Amino acid sequence: CPKHVGYNYVIRGSAATFYDKPIA
């Protein structure tokens, strides 16, 4: 059964600092 606590498990990105290059 889900515990539904997912709010804290979101990555909060920003278009102002986005690394728009390849990441290996």
mmCIF file of all heavy atoms, coordinates in Angstrom:
data_MODEL
# 
_entry.id   MODEL 
# 
loop_
_atom_site.group_PDB 
_atom_site.id 
_atom_site.type_symbol 
_atom_site.label_atom_id 
_atom_site.label_alt_id 
_atom_site.label_comp_id 
_atom_site.label_asym_id 
_atom_site.label_entity_id 
_atom_site.label_seq_id 
_atom_site.pdbx_PDB_ins_code 
_atom_site.Cartn_x 
_atom_site.Cartn_y 
_atom_site.Cartn_z 
_atom_site.occupancy 
_atom_site.B_iso_or_equiv 
_atom_site.pdbx_formal_charge 
_atom_site.auth_seq_id 
_atom_site.auth_comp_id 
_atom_site.auth_asym_id 
_atom_site.auth_atom_id 
_atom_site.pdbx_PDB_model_num 
ATOM 1   N N   . CYS A 1 1  ? 0.843  -1.196 0.000   1.00 0.00 ? 1  CYS A N   1 
ATOM 2   C CA  . CYS A 1 1  ? 0.000  0.000  0.000   1.00 0.00 ? 1  CYS A CA  1 
ATOM 3   C C   . CYS A 1 1  ? 0.882  1.251  0.000   1.00 0.00 ? 1  CYS A C   1 
ATOM 4   O O   . CYS A 1 1  ? 1.828  1.347  0.795   1.00 0.00 ? 1  CYS A O   1 
ATOM 5   C CB  . CYS A 1 1  ? -0.896 0.033  1.234   1.00 0.00 ? 1  CYS A CB  1 
ATOM 6   S SG  . CYS A 1 1  ? -2.206 -1.209 1.217   1.00 0.00 ? 1  CYS A SG  1 
ATOM 7   N N   . PRO A 1 2  ? 0.581  2.226  -0.888  1.00 0.00 ? 2  PRO A N   1 
ATOM 8   C CA  . PRO A 1 2  ? 1.363  3.469  -0.928  1.00 0.00 ? 2  PRO A CA  1 
ATOM 9   C C   . PRO A 1 2  ? 1.262  4.242  0.380   1.00 0.00 ? 2  PRO A C   1 
ATOM 10  O O   . PRO A 1 2  ? 0.226  4.239  1.049   1.00 0.00 ? 2  PRO A O   1 
ATOM 11  C CB  . PRO A 1 2  ? 0.723  4.251  -2.078  1.00 0.00 ? 2  PRO A CB  1 
ATOM 12  C CG  . PRO A 1 2  ? 0.000  3.233  -2.884  1.00 0.00 ? 2  PRO A CG  1 
ATOM 13  C CD  . PRO A 1 2  ? -0.456 2.185  -1.920  1.00 0.00 ? 2  PRO A CD  1 
ATOM 14  N N   . LYS A 1 3  ? 2.356  4.909  0.731   1.00 0.00 ? 3  LYS A N   1 
ATOM 15  C CA  . LYS A 1 3  ? 2.373  5.755  1.930   1.00 0.00 ? 3  LYS A CA  1 
ATOM 16  C C   . LYS A 1 3  ? 2.148  7.224  1.587   1.00 0.00 ? 3  LYS A C   1 
ATOM 17  O O   . LYS A 1 3  ? 1.880  8.042  2.454   1.00 0.00 ? 3  LYS A O   1 
ATOM 18  C CB  . LYS A 1 3  ? 3.700  5.576  2.673   1.00 0.00 ? 3  LYS A CB  1 
ATOM 19  C CG  . LYS A 1 3  ? 3.929  4.156  3.133   1.00 0.00 ? 3  LYS A CG  1 
ATOM 20  C CD  . LYS A 1 3  ? 5.286  3.977  3.789   1.00 0.00 ? 3  LYS A CD  1 
ATOM 21  C CE  . LYS A 1 3  ? 5.358  4.617  5.155   1.00 0.00 ? 3  LYS A CE  1 
ATOM 22  N NZ  . LYS A 1 3  ? 6.624  4.292  5.845   1.00 0.00 ? 3  LYS A NZ  1 
ATOM 23  N N   . HIS A 1 4  ? 2.290  7.565  0.284   1.00 0.00 ? 4  HIS A N   1 
ATOM 24  C CA  . HIS A 1 4  ? 1.991  8.914  -0.212  1.00 0.00 ? 4  HIS A CA  1 
ATOM 25  C C   . HIS A 1 4  ? 2.684  10.016 0.584   1.00 0.00 ? 4  HIS A C   1 
ATOM 26  O O   . HIS A 1 4  ? 2.066  10.839 1.232   1.00 0.00 ? 4  HIS A O   1 
ATOM 27  C CB  . HIS A 1 4  ? 0.473  9.149  -0.219  1.00 0.00 ? 4  HIS A CB  1 
ATOM 28  C CG  . HIS A 1 4  ? -0.259 8.257  -1.156  1.00 0.00 ? 4  HIS A CG  1 
ATOM 29  N ND1 . HIS A 1 4  ? 0.047  8.159  -2.500  1.00 0.00 ? 4  HIS A ND1 1 
ATOM 30  C CD2 . HIS A 1 4  ? -1.280 7.381  -0.941  1.00 0.00 ? 4  HIS A CD2 1 
ATOM 31  C CE1 . HIS A 1 4  ? -0.771 7.279  -3.070  1.00 0.00 ? 4  HIS A CE1 1 
ATOM 32  N NE2 . HIS A 1 4  ? -1.565 6.790  -2.149  1.00 0.00 ? 4  HIS A NE2 1 
ATOM 33  N N   . VAL A 1 5  ? 4.007  10.011 0.505   1.00 0.00 ? 5  VAL A N   1 
ATOM 34  C CA  . VAL A 1 5  ? 4.779  11.093 1.122   1.00 0.00 ? 5  VAL A CA  1 
ATOM 35  C C   . VAL A 1 5  ? 5.669  11.753 0.078   1.00 0.00 ? 5  VAL A C   1 
ATOM 36  O O   . VAL A 1 5  ? 6.674  12.353 0.389   1.00 0.00 ? 5  VAL A O   1 
ATOM 37  C CB  . VAL A 1 5  ? 5.636  10.571 2.296   1.00 0.00 ? 5  VAL A CB  1 
ATOM 38  C CG1 . VAL A 1 5  ? 4.760  10.073 3.422   1.00 0.00 ? 5  VAL A CG1 1 
ATOM 39  C CG2 . VAL A 1 5  ? 6.579  9.456  1.825   1.00 0.00 ? 5  VAL A CG2 1 
ATOM 40  N N   . GLY A 1 6  ? 5.282  11.661 -1.187  1.00 0.00 ? 6  GLY A N   1 
ATOM 41  C CA  . GLY A 1 6  ? 6.155  12.004 -2.301  1.00 0.00 ? 6  GLY A CA  1 
ATOM 42  C C   . GLY A 1 6  ? 6.524  13.450 -2.470  1.00 0.00 ? 6  GLY A C   1 
ATOM 43  O O   . GLY A 1 6  ? 7.412  13.771 -3.267  1.00 0.00 ? 6  GLY A O   1 
ATOM 44  N N   . TYR A 1 7  ? 5.890  14.367 -1.756  1.00 0.00 ? 7  TYR A N   1 
ATOM 45  C CA  . TYR A 1 7  ? 6.195  15.787 -1.937  1.00 0.00 ? 7  TYR A CA  1 
ATOM 46  C C   . TYR A 1 7  ? 7.683  16.065 -1.741  1.00 0.00 ? 7  TYR A C   1 
ATOM 47  O O   . TYR A 1 7  ? 8.287  16.846 -2.470  1.00 0.00 ? 7  TYR A O   1 
ATOM 48  C CB  . TYR A 1 7  ? 5.371  16.624 -0.961  1.00 0.00 ? 7  TYR A CB  1 
ATOM 49  C CG  . TYR A 1 7  ? 5.687  18.097 -1.010  1.00 0.00 ? 7  TYR A CG  1 
ATOM 50  C CD1 . TYR A 1 7  ? 5.120  18.914 -1.982  1.00 0.00 ? 7  TYR A CD1 1 
ATOM 51  C CD2 . TYR A 1 7  ? 6.567  18.667 -0.094  1.00 0.00 ? 7  TYR A CD2 1 
ATOM 52  C CE1 . TYR A 1 7  ? 5.416  20.275 -2.045  1.00 0.00 ? 7  TYR A CE1 1 
ATOM 53  C CE2 . TYR A 1 7  ? 6.870  20.016 -0.148  1.00 0.00 ? 7  TYR A CE2 1 
ATOM 54  C CZ  . TYR A 1 7  ? 6.295  20.810 -1.116  1.00 0.00 ? 7  TYR A CZ  1 
ATOM 55  O OH  . TYR A 1 7  ? 6.601  22.154 -1.172  1.00 0.00 ? 7  TYR A OH  1 
ATOM 56  N N   . ASN A 1 8  ? 8.288  15.418 -0.768  1.00 0.00 ? 8  ASN A N   1 
ATOM 57  C CA  . ASN A 1 8  ? 9.699  15.685 -0.464  1.00 0.00 ? 8  ASN A CA  1 
ATOM 58  C C   . ASN A 1 8  ? 10.655 15.042 -1.463  1.00 0.00 ? 8  ASN A C   1 
ATOM 59  O O   . ASN A 1 8  ? 11.849 15.307 -1.425  1.00 0.00 ? 8  ASN A O   1 
ATOM 60  C CB  . ASN A 1 8  ? 10.039 15.170 0.939   1.00 0.00 ? 8  ASN A CB  1 
ATOM 61  C CG  . ASN A 1 8  ? 9.356  15.969 2.028   1.00 0.00 ? 8  ASN A CG  1 
ATOM 62  O OD1 . ASN A 1 8  ? 9.158  17.163 1.875   1.00 0.00 ? 8  ASN A OD1 1 
ATOM 63  N ND2 . ASN A 1 8  ? 8.981  15.308 3.105   1.00 0.00 ? 8  ASN A ND2 1 
ATOM 64  N N   . TYR A 1 9  ? 10.145 14.217 -2.349  1.00 0.00 ? 9  TYR A N   1 
ATOM 65  C CA  . TYR A 1 9  ? 11.014 13.477 -3.247  1.00 0.00 ? 9  TYR A CA  1 
ATOM 66  C C   . TYR A 1 9  ? 10.969 14.017 -4.673  1.00 0.00 ? 9  TYR A C   1 
ATOM 67  O O   . TYR A 1 9  ? 11.193 13.298 -5.628  1.00 0.00 ? 9  TYR A O   1 
ATOM 68  C CB  . TYR A 1 9  ? 10.647 11.987 -3.196  1.00 0.00 ? 9  TYR A CB  1 
ATOM 69  C CG  . TYR A 1 9  ? 10.891 11.426 -1.813  1.00 0.00 ? 9  TYR A CG  1 
ATOM 70  C CD1 . TYR A 1 9  ? 9.881  11.426 -0.847  1.00 0.00 ? 9  TYR A CD1 1 
ATOM 71  C CD2 . TYR A 1 9  ? 12.146 10.961 -1.447  1.00 0.00 ? 9  TYR A CD2 1 
ATOM 72  C CE1 . TYR A 1 9  ? 10.122 10.948 0.430   1.00 0.00 ? 9  TYR A CE1 1 
ATOM 73  C CE2 . TYR A 1 9  ? 12.398 10.488 -0.178  1.00 0.00 ? 9  TYR A CE2 1 
ATOM 74  C CZ  . TYR A 1 9  ? 11.378 10.482 0.757   1.00 0.00 ? 9  TYR A CZ  1 
ATOM 75  O OH  . TYR A 1 9  ? 11.630 10.030 2.032   1.00 0.00 ? 9  TYR A OH  1 
ATOM 76  N N   . VAL A 1 10 ? 10.682 15.307 -4.796  1.00 0.00 ? 10 VAL A N   1 
ATOM 77  C CA  . VAL A 1 10 ? 10.652 15.982 -6.089  1.00 0.00 ? 10 VAL A CA  1 
ATOM 78  C C   . VAL A 1 10 ? 11.944 16.763 -6.279  1.00 0.00 ? 10 VAL A C   1 
ATOM 79  O O   . VAL A 1 10 ? 12.381 17.489 -5.384  1.00 0.00 ? 10 VAL A O   1 
ATOM 80  C CB  . VAL A 1 10 ? 9.438  16.930 -6.187  1.00 0.00 ? 10 VAL A CB  1 
ATOM 81  C CG1 . VAL A 1 10 ? 9.476  17.732 -7.479  1.00 0.00 ? 10 VAL A CG1 1 
ATOM 82  C CG2 . VAL A 1 10 ? 8.142  16.136 -6.083  1.00 0.00 ? 10 VAL A CG2 1 
ATOM 83  N N   . ILE A 1 11 ? 12.585 16.596 -7.448  1.00 0.00 ? 11 ILE A N   1 
ATOM 84  C CA  . ILE A 1 11 ? 13.722 17.444 -7.806  1.00 0.00 ? 11 ILE A CA  1 
ATOM 85  C C   . ILE A 1 11 ? 13.156 18.796 -8.239  1.00 0.00 ? 11 ILE A C   1 
ATOM 86  O O   . ILE A 1 11 ? 12.304 18.864 -9.125  1.00 0.00 ? 11 ILE A O   1 
ATOM 87  C CB  . ILE A 1 11 ? 14.535 16.832 -8.956  1.00 0.00 ? 11 ILE A CB  1 
ATOM 88  C CG1 . ILE A 1 11 ? 15.119 15.478 -8.526  1.00 0.00 ? 11 ILE A CG1 1 
ATOM 89  C CG2 . ILE A 1 11 ? 15.658 17.776 -9.392  1.00 0.00 ? 11 ILE A CG2 1 
ATOM 90  C CD1 . ILE A 1 11 ? 15.707 14.689 -9.678  1.00 0.00 ? 11 ILE A CD1 1 
ATOM 91  N N   . ARG A 1 12 ? 13.624 19.877 -7.631  1.00 0.00 ? 12 ARG A N   1 
ATOM 92  C CA  . ARG A 1 12 ? 13.069 21.202 -7.921  1.00 0.00 ? 12 ARG A CA  1 
ATOM 93  C C   . ARG A 1 12 ? 14.090 21.989 -8.753  1.00 0.00 ? 12 ARG A C   1 
ATOM 94  O O   . ARG A 1 12 ? 14.982 22.643 -8.233  1.00 0.00 ? 12 ARG A O   1 
ATOM 95  C CB  . ARG A 1 12 ? 12.707 21.921 -6.624  1.00 0.00 ? 12 ARG A CB  1 
ATOM 96  C CG  . ARG A 1 12 ? 11.763 21.073 -5.789  1.00 0.00 ? 12 ARG A CG  1 
ATOM 97  C CD  . ARG A 1 12 ? 11.005 21.813 -4.727  1.00 0.00 ? 12 ARG A CD  1 
ATOM 98  N NE  . ARG A 1 12 ? 10.081 20.886 -4.073  1.00 0.00 ? 12 ARG A NE  1 
ATOM 99  C CZ  . ARG A 1 12 ? 8.888  20.543 -4.538  1.00 0.00 ? 12 ARG A CZ  1 
ATOM 100 N NH1 . ARG A 1 12 ? 8.476  21.056 -5.681  1.00 0.00 ? 12 ARG A NH1 1 
ATOM 101 N NH2 . ARG A 1 12 ? 8.125  19.692 -3.889  1.00 0.00 ? 12 ARG A NH2 1 
ATOM 102 N N   . GLY A 1 13 ? 13.911 21.854 -10.067 1.00 0.00 ? 13 GLY A N   1 
ATOM 103 C CA  . GLY A 1 13 ? 14.832 22.499 -10.991 1.00 0.00 ? 13 GLY A CA  1 
ATOM 104 C C   . GLY A 1 13 ? 14.454 23.931 -11.299 1.00 0.00 ? 13 GLY A C   1 
ATOM 105 O O   . GLY A 1 13 ? 13.401 24.425 -10.890 1.00 0.00 ? 13 GLY A O   1 
ATOM 106 N N   . SER A 1 14 ? 15.341 24.600 -12.051 1.00 0.00 ? 14 SER A N   1 
ATOM 107 C CA  . SER A 1 14 ? 15.113 26.000 -12.419 1.00 0.00 ? 14 SER A CA  1 
ATOM 108 C C   . SER A 1 14 ? 15.629 26.238 -13.827 1.00 0.00 ? 14 SER A C   1 
ATOM 109 O O   . SER A 1 14 ? 16.783 25.896 -14.144 1.00 0.00 ? 14 SER A O   1 
ATOM 110 C CB  . SER A 1 14 ? 15.820 26.935 -11.441 1.00 0.00 ? 14 SER A CB  1 
ATOM 111 O OG  . SER A 1 14 ? 15.794 28.269 -11.905 1.00 0.00 ? 14 SER A OG  1 
ATOM 112 N N   . ALA A 1 15 ? 14.789 26.841 -14.676 1.00 0.00 ? 15 ALA A N   1 
ATOM 113 C CA  . ALA A 1 15 ? 15.209 27.152 -16.040 1.00 0.00 ? 15 ALA A CA  1 
ATOM 114 C C   . ALA A 1 15 ? 16.372 28.124 -16.056 1.00 0.00 ? 15 ALA A C   1 
ATOM 115 O O   . ALA A 1 15 ? 17.146 28.187 -17.018 1.00 0.00 ? 15 ALA A O   1 
ATOM 116 C CB  . ALA A 1 15 ? 14.022 27.717 -16.826 1.00 0.00 ? 15 ALA A CB  1 
ATOM 117 N N   . ALA A 1 16 ? 16.544 28.890 -14.975 1.00 0.00 ? 16 ALA A N   1 
ATOM 118 C CA  . ALA A 1 16 ? 17.601 29.901 -14.918 1.00 0.00 ? 16 ALA A CA  1 
ATOM 119 C C   . ALA A 1 16 ? 18.986 29.284 -14.831 1.00 0.00 ? 16 ALA A C   1 
ATOM 120 O O   . ALA A 1 16 ? 19.983 29.930 -15.196 1.00 0.00 ? 16 ALA A O   1 
ATOM 121 C CB  . ALA A 1 16 ? 17.363 30.834 -13.731 1.00 0.00 ? 16 ALA A CB  1 
ATOM 122 N N   . THR A 1 17 ? 19.091 28.050 -14.336 1.00 0.00 ? 17 THR A N   1 
ATOM 123 C CA  . THR A 1 17 ? 20.413 27.424 -14.148 1.00 0.00 ? 17 THR A CA  1 
ATOM 124 C C   . THR A 1 17 ? 20.543 26.093 -14.859 1.00 0.00 ? 17 THR A C   1 
ATOM 125 O O   . THR A 1 17 ? 21.503 25.367 -14.622 1.00 0.00 ? 17 THR A O   1 
ATOM 126 C CB  . THR A 1 17 ? 20.698 27.213 -12.651 1.00 0.00 ? 17 THR A CB  1 
ATOM 127 O OG1 . THR A 1 17 ? 19.717 26.312 -12.098 1.00 0.00 ? 17 THR A OG1 1 
ATOM 128 C CG2 . THR A 1 17 ? 20.666 28.530 -11.890 1.00 0.00 ? 17 THR A CG2 1 
ATOM 129 N N   . PHE A 1 18 ? 19.619 25.733 -15.715 1.00 0.00 ? 18 PHE A N   1 
ATOM 130 C CA  . PHE A 1 18 ? 19.590 24.422 -16.364 1.00 0.00 ? 18 PHE A CA  1 
ATOM 131 C C   . PHE A 1 18 ? 20.922 24.105 -17.051 1.00 0.00 ? 18 PHE A C   1 
ATOM 132 O O   . PHE A 1 18 ? 21.453 24.905 -17.815 1.00 0.00 ? 18 PHE A O   1 
ATOM 133 C CB  . PHE A 1 18 ? 18.453 24.406 -17.390 1.00 0.00 ? 18 PHE A CB  1 
ATOM 134 C CG  . PHE A 1 18 ? 18.357 23.157 -18.203 1.00 0.00 ? 18 PHE A CG  1 
ATOM 135 C CD1 . PHE A 1 18 ? 18.436 21.901 -17.615 1.00 0.00 ? 18 PHE A CD1 1 
ATOM 136 C CD2 . PHE A 1 18 ? 18.169 23.224 -19.582 1.00 0.00 ? 18 PHE A CD2 1 
ATOM 137 C CE1 . PHE A 1 18 ? 18.325 20.742 -18.367 1.00 0.00 ? 18 PHE A CE1 1 
ATOM 138 C CE2 . PHE A 1 18 ? 18.059 22.073 -20.345 1.00 0.00 ? 18 PHE A CE2 1 
ATOM 139 C CZ  . PHE A 1 18 ? 18.136 20.837 -19.740 1.00 0.00 ? 18 PHE A CZ  1 
ATOM 140 N N   . TYR A 1 19 ? 21.460 22.904 -16.776 1.00 0.00 ? 19 TYR A N   1 
ATOM 141 C CA  . TYR A 1 19 ? 22.675 22.443 -17.453 1.00 0.00 ? 19 TYR A CA  1 
ATOM 142 C C   . TYR A 1 19 ? 22.249 21.719 -18.726 1.00 0.00 ? 19 TYR A C   1 
ATOM 143 O O   . TYR A 1 19 ? 21.962 20.519 -18.719 1.00 0.00 ? 19 TYR A O   1 
ATOM 144 C CB  . TYR A 1 19 ? 23.508 21.531 -16.552 1.00 0.00 ? 19 TYR A CB  1 
ATOM 145 C CG  . TYR A 1 19 ? 24.885 21.255 -17.121 1.00 0.00 ? 19 TYR A CG  1 
ATOM 146 C CD1 . TYR A 1 19 ? 25.891 22.224 -17.045 1.00 0.00 ? 19 TYR A CD1 1 
ATOM 147 C CD2 . TYR A 1 19 ? 25.173 20.047 -17.748 1.00 0.00 ? 19 TYR A CD2 1 
ATOM 148 C CE1 . TYR A 1 19 ? 27.156 21.979 -17.575 1.00 0.00 ? 19 TYR A CE1 1 
ATOM 149 C CE2 . TYR A 1 19 ? 26.437 19.798 -18.279 1.00 0.00 ? 19 TYR A CE2 1 
ATOM 150 C CZ  . TYR A 1 19 ? 27.416 20.769 -18.189 1.00 0.00 ? 19 TYR A CZ  1 
ATOM 151 O OH  . TYR A 1 19 ? 28.665 20.543 -18.717 1.00 0.00 ? 19 TYR A OH  1 
ATOM 152 N N   . ASP A 1 20 ? 22.221 22.437 -19.830 1.00 0.00 ? 20 ASP A N   1 
ATOM 153 C CA  . ASP A 1 20 ? 21.702 21.910 -21.093 1.00 0.00 ? 20 ASP A CA  1 
ATOM 154 C C   . ASP A 1 20 ? 22.827 21.312 -21.937 1.00 0.00 ? 20 ASP A C   1 
ATOM 155 O O   . ASP A 1 20 ? 23.012 21.650 -23.105 1.00 0.00 ? 20 ASP A O   1 
ATOM 156 C CB  . ASP A 1 20 ? 20.987 23.022 -21.863 1.00 0.00 ? 20 ASP A CB  1 
ATOM 157 C CG  . ASP A 1 20 ? 20.177 22.468 -23.031 1.00 0.00 ? 20 ASP A CG  1 
ATOM 158 O OD1 . ASP A 1 20 ? 19.943 21.253 -23.050 1.00 0.00 ? 20 ASP A OD1 1 
ATOM 159 O OD2 . ASP A 1 20 ? 19.796 23.269 -23.911 1.00 0.00 ? 20 ASP A OD2 1 
ATOM 160 N N   . LYS A 1 21 ? 23.594 20.431 -21.302 1.00 0.00 ? 21 LYS A N   1 
ATOM 161 C CA  . LYS A 1 21 ? 24.694 19.740 -21.969 1.00 0.00 ? 21 LYS A CA  1 
ATOM 162 C C   . LYS A 1 21 ? 24.674 18.281 -21.527 1.00 0.00 ? 21 LYS A C   1 
ATOM 163 O O   . LYS A 1 21 ? 24.063 17.945 -20.515 1.00 0.00 ? 21 LYS A O   1 
ATOM 164 C CB  . LYS A 1 21 ? 26.042 20.392 -21.629 1.00 0.00 ? 21 LYS A CB  1 
ATOM 165 C CG  . LYS A 1 21 ? 26.160 21.846 -22.075 1.00 0.00 ? 21 LYS A CG  1 
ATOM 166 C CD  . LYS A 1 21 ? 27.467 22.454 -21.616 1.00 0.00 ? 21 LYS A CD  1 
ATOM 167 C CE  . LYS A 1 21 ? 27.537 23.934 -22.008 1.00 0.00 ? 21 LYS A CE  1 
ATOM 168 N NZ  . LYS A 1 21 ? 28.799 24.574 -21.531 1.00 0.00 ? 21 LYS A NZ  1 
ATOM 169 N N   . PRO A 1 22 ? 25.339 17.404 -22.263 1.00 0.00 ? 22 PRO A N   1 
ATOM 170 C CA  . PRO A 1 22 ? 25.289 15.979 -21.914 1.00 0.00 ? 22 PRO A CA  1 
ATOM 171 C C   . PRO A 1 22 ? 25.864 15.685 -20.526 1.00 0.00 ? 22 PRO A C   1 
ATOM 172 O O   . PRO A 1 22 ? 26.867 16.272 -20.109 1.00 0.00 ? 22 PRO A O   1 
ATOM 173 C CB  . PRO A 1 22 ? 26.137 15.312 -22.996 1.00 0.00 ? 22 PRO A CB  1 
ATOM 174 C CG  . PRO A 1 22 ? 26.124 16.274 -24.134 1.00 0.00 ? 22 PRO A CG  1 
ATOM 175 C CD  . PRO A 1 22 ? 26.088 17.635 -23.520 1.00 0.00 ? 22 PRO A CD  1 
ATOM 176 N N   . ILE A 1 23 ? 25.201 14.766 -19.844 1.00 0.00 ? 23 ILE A N   1 
ATOM 177 C CA  . ILE A 1 23 ? 25.664 14.274 -18.542 1.00 0.00 ? 23 ILE A CA  1 
ATOM 178 C C   . ILE A 1 23 ? 25.773 12.755 -18.632 1.00 0.00 ? 23 ILE A C   1 
ATOM 179 O O   . ILE A 1 23 ? 24.794 12.064 -18.909 1.00 0.00 ? 23 ILE A O   1 
ATOM 180 C CB  . ILE A 1 23 ? 24.705 14.656 -17.405 1.00 0.00 ? 23 ILE A CB  1 
ATOM 181 C CG1 . ILE A 1 23 ? 24.607 16.185 -17.263 1.00 0.00 ? 23 ILE A CG1 1 
ATOM 182 C CG2 . ILE A 1 23 ? 25.160 14.028 -16.083 1.00 0.00 ? 23 ILE A CG2 1 
ATOM 183 C CD1 . ILE A 1 23 ? 23.606 16.634 -16.217 1.00 0.00 ? 23 ILE A CD1 1 
ATOM 184 N N   . ALA A 1 24 ? 26.969 12.242 -18.430 1.00 0.00 ? 24 ALA A N   1 
ATOM 185 C CA  . ALA A 1 24 ? 27.196 10.792 -18.405 1.00 0.00 ? 24 ALA A CA  1 
ATOM 186 C C   . ALA A 1 24 ? 27.247 10.342 -16.956 1.00 0.00 ? 24 ALA A C   1 
ATOM 187 O O   . ALA A 1 24 ? 28.085 10.808 -16.181 1.00 0.00 ? 24 ALA A O   1 
ATOM 188 C CB  . ALA A 1 24 ? 28.494 10.436 -19.116 1.00 0.00 ? 24 ALA A CB  1 
# 
